[in-house]
Amino acid sequence: MAAEPPNPICRRESDLYLPLLSLFSDHSRVFAEVPFFGKHIDLLFGTPTLARFYAVETKLSDWRSAFKQAALNQLAAQLSYVAVPSKLATRLAEREAALFASYDVGLIAVDGTARILIRARRNGYFIRRYYRDLKTALSHATQSQKLRNIGDLEHALAKRSRALVLLQARTD
């Protein structure tokens, strides 16, 4: 299958972040580029006490690698999603819904806004030890880092820096 051309609204993966911040605005803790199992969770949304995590992997076209990462993220996050541009997401919802459902991974369509096409479900892959380790690391980051905006994150990504960033959850 040929790669989906990028959405003109979405030229970089970070272009998907702002609509996702609005979609999960009830989660006041937002982390970007969270190290996990030798990879990085693109966005991790947490409740104020970090009692629950929603992981989101973003891609402009290579949805399969985002799907694999989203499946892995279920080890520590209660819910895990793949977020891609709307045109690709619509096609995936039609053609790959059974795959997403069988792994309990959700699908989010992003253009100017973000909307859930396939809801993620909590599953048996969740391992409390990984969740606790992630929660501890993020609690320390919350105490030691200042809040950053999307522009700071885009700058860090452009410089190929993959360090954990505590994002400002408000989108105004």
Protein backbone atom coordinates (compact mmCIF):
# COMPACT_ATOMS: atom_id res chain seq x y z
CA MET A 1 0.00 0.00 0.00
CA ALA A 2 1.41 3.40 -0.96
CA ALA A 3 2.07 5.97 1.74
CA GLU A 4 -0.65 8.54 2.29
CA PRO A 5 0.44 12.03 1.20
CA PRO A 6 0.57 14.39 4.16
CA ASN A 7 -2.47 16.53 4.87
CA PRO A 8 -1.74 20.13 3.76
CA ILE A 9 -2.79 21.31 7.23
CA CYS A 10 -0.39 18.82 8.81
CA ARG A 11 3.16 19.17 7.55
CA ARG A 12 4.82 17.88 10.73
CA GLU A 13 3.68 15.42 13.37
CA SER A 14 3.71 18.25 15.88
CA ASP A 15 0.98 19.95 13.79
CA LEU A 16 -1.34 17.24 15.14
CA TYR A 17 -0.60 18.13 18.77
CA LEU A 18 -2.69 21.27 19.27
CA PRO A 19 -6.00 19.64 18.21
CA LEU A 20 -5.12 16.66 20.44
CA LEU A 21 -4.57 18.99 23.39
CA SER A 22 -8.11 20.29 22.85
CA LEU A 23 -9.55 16.78 22.53
CA PHE A 24 -8.05 15.68 25.85
CA SER A 25 -8.42 19.05 27.60
CA ASP A 26 -9.76 17.35 30.74
CA HIS A 27 -6.28 15.88 31.32
CA SER A 28 -4.27 18.62 32.95
CA ARG A 29 -0.91 16.89 32.70
CA VAL A 30 0.49 16.54 29.19
CA PHE A 31 3.90 15.12 28.41
CA ALA A 32 5.59 14.88 25.03
CA GLU A 33 8.39 12.57 23.91
CA VAL A 34 8.14 10.31 26.97
CA PRO A 35 10.88 7.63 26.97
CA PHE A 36 9.38 4.15 27.18
CA PHE A 37 10.95 0.79 26.25
CA GLY A 38 13.65 2.35 24.09
CA LYS A 39 11.12 4.44 22.15
CA HIS A 40 9.21 7.65 22.87
CA ILE A 41 5.49 8.09 23.49
CA ASP A 42 4.58 11.12 21.38
CA LEU A 43 1.95 12.49 23.77
CA LEU A 44 0.94 11.20 27.17
CA PHE A 45 -2.11 12.75 28.81
CA GLY A 46 -2.55 12.32 32.55
CA THR A 47 -5.13 13.23 35.12
CA PRO A 48 -4.03 15.80 37.74
CA THR A 49 -2.86 13.05 40.12
CA LEU A 50 -1.48 10.91 37.27
CA ALA A 51 -3.97 8.20 38.20
CA ARG A 52 -4.74 7.52 34.52
CA PHE A 53 -2.71 7.87 31.33
CA TYR A 54 -3.85 8.12 27.73
CA ALA A 55 -1.01 7.56 25.24
CA VAL A 56 -1.20 8.99 21.73
CA GLU A 57 1.14 8.12 18.86
CA THR A 58 1.09 10.56 15.95
CA LYS A 59 2.07 9.93 12.35
CA LEU A 60 1.43 11.72 9.10
CA SER A 61 1.53 8.58 6.96
CA ASP A 62 3.26 5.55 8.51
CA TRP A 63 0.28 4.43 10.58
CA ARG A 64 1.63 0.88 11.04
CA SER A 65 4.61 2.02 13.10
CA ALA A 66 2.31 4.24 15.16
CA PHE A 67 -0.01 1.26 15.66
CA LYS A 68 2.85 -0.95 16.90
CA GLN A 69 3.98 1.76 19.31
CA ALA A 70 0.41 2.33 20.51
CA ALA A 71 0.06 -1.39 21.23
CA LEU A 72 3.31 -1.28 23.24
CA ASN A 73 2.15 1.80 25.16
CA GLN A 74 -0.73 -0.23 26.58
CA LEU A 75 1.75 -1.77 29.01
CA ALA A 76 1.72 1.46 31.06
CA ALA A 77 -1.22 3.54 29.80
CA GLN A 78 -4.83 2.68 30.45
CA LEU A 79 -5.82 3.76 26.94
CA SER A 80 -3.73 4.08 23.78
CA TYR A 81 -4.49 5.84 20.50
CA VAL A 82 -3.08 6.42 17.03
CA ALA A 83 -3.63 9.94 15.68
CA VAL A 84 -3.28 10.60 11.94
CA PRO A 85 -4.59 13.17 9.45
CA SER A 86 -8.34 12.89 8.83
CA LYS A 87 -8.19 11.52 5.29
CA LEU A 88 -5.96 8.63 6.34
CA ALA A 89 -7.93 8.06 9.57
CA THR A 90 -11.22 7.79 7.66
CA ARG A 91 -9.72 5.17 5.37
CA LEU A 92 -8.26 3.25 8.33
CA ALA A 93 -11.59 3.31 10.16
CA GLU A 94 -13.21 1.70 7.11
CA ARG A 95 -10.49 -0.84 6.23
CA GLU A 96 -8.65 -1.61 9.48
CA ALA A 97 -11.34 -1.28 12.17
CA ALA A 98 -11.08 -4.97 13.07
CA LEU A 99 -7.31 -4.68 13.63
CA PHE A 100 -7.71 -1.66 15.90
CA ALA A 101 -10.53 -3.38 17.80
CA SER A 102 -8.62 -6.65 18.22
CA TYR A 103 -5.75 -4.81 19.95
CA ASP A 104 -8.02 -2.31 21.78
CA VAL A 105 -6.12 0.60 20.18
CA GLY A 106 -8.12 3.73 19.38
CA LEU A 107 -7.97 5.89 16.25
CA ILE A 108 -8.12 9.69 16.14
CA ALA A 109 -8.68 11.80 13.01
CA VAL A 110 -6.94 15.18 13.01
CA ASP A 111 -7.40 18.17 10.76
CA GLY A 112 -8.22 21.55 12.34
CA THR A 113 -9.79 19.54 15.16
CA ALA A 114 -9.34 16.05 16.56
CA ARG A 115 -12.09 13.46 16.85
CA ILE A 116 -12.12 9.88 17.97
CA LEU A 117 -13.17 7.47 15.21
CA ILE A 118 -12.44 4.25 17.11
CA ARG A 119 -12.48 4.31 20.91
CA ALA A 120 -9.57 2.69 22.73
CA ARG A 121 -10.45 0.10 25.35
CA ARG A 122 -8.64 -0.93 28.49
CA ASN A 123 -7.24 -4.42 28.10
CA GLY A 124 -5.18 -7.15 29.72
CA TYR A 125 -1.86 -5.79 28.43
CA PHE A 126 -1.66 -3.17 31.19
CA ILE A 127 1.09 -3.97 33.71
CA ARG A 128 0.87 -2.03 36.97
CA ARG A 129 4.66 -2.07 37.53
CA TYR A 130 5.30 -0.23 34.23
CA TYR A 131 2.52 2.22 35.04
CA ARG A 132 4.04 2.92 38.49
CA ASP A 133 7.53 3.39 37.02
CA LEU A 134 6.17 5.81 34.43
CA LYS A 135 4.10 7.65 37.03
CA THR A 136 7.17 8.07 39.27
CA ALA A 137 9.29 9.42 36.42
CA LEU A 138 6.56 11.83 35.33
CA SER A 139 5.92 13.00 38.90
CA HIS A 140 9.58 13.98 39.12
CA ALA A 141 9.37 15.71 35.74
CA THR A 142 6.30 17.63 36.87
CA GLN A 143 8.20 18.92 39.89
CA SER A 144 11.42 19.75 38.07
CA GLN A 145 10.31 21.10 34.69
CA LYS A 146 8.63 24.33 33.76
CA LEU A 147 5.60 24.16 31.49
CA ARG A 148 6.42 24.50 27.79
CA ASN A 149 4.25 25.50 24.88
CA ILE A 150 3.92 23.76 21.52
CA GLY A 151 6.46 26.11 19.93
CA ASP A 152 9.14 25.00 22.40
CA LEU A 153 8.40 21.39 21.56
CA GLU A 154 8.52 22.01 17.80
CA HIS A 155 11.89 23.69 18.23
CA ALA A 156 13.23 20.74 20.24
CA LEU A 157 11.93 18.24 17.66
CA ALA A 158 13.47 20.23 14.81
CA LYS A 159 16.82 20.00 16.59
CA ARG A 160 16.25 16.22 16.92
CA SER A 161 16.05 16.48 20.69
CA ARG A 162 13.89 13.67 22.06
CA ALA A 163 13.85 14.76 25.70
CA LEU A 164 10.72 14.59 27.80
CA VAL A 165 8.76 17.85 27.72
CA LEU A 166 5.98 18.89 30.10
CA LEU A 167 3.47 20.69 27.89
CA GLN A 168 1.06 23.39 28.85
CA ALA A 169 -2.35 21.72 28.61
CA ARG A 170 -4.32 24.87 27.85
CA THR A 171 -4.69 25.57 24.14
CA ASP A 172 -5.53 29.30 24.35
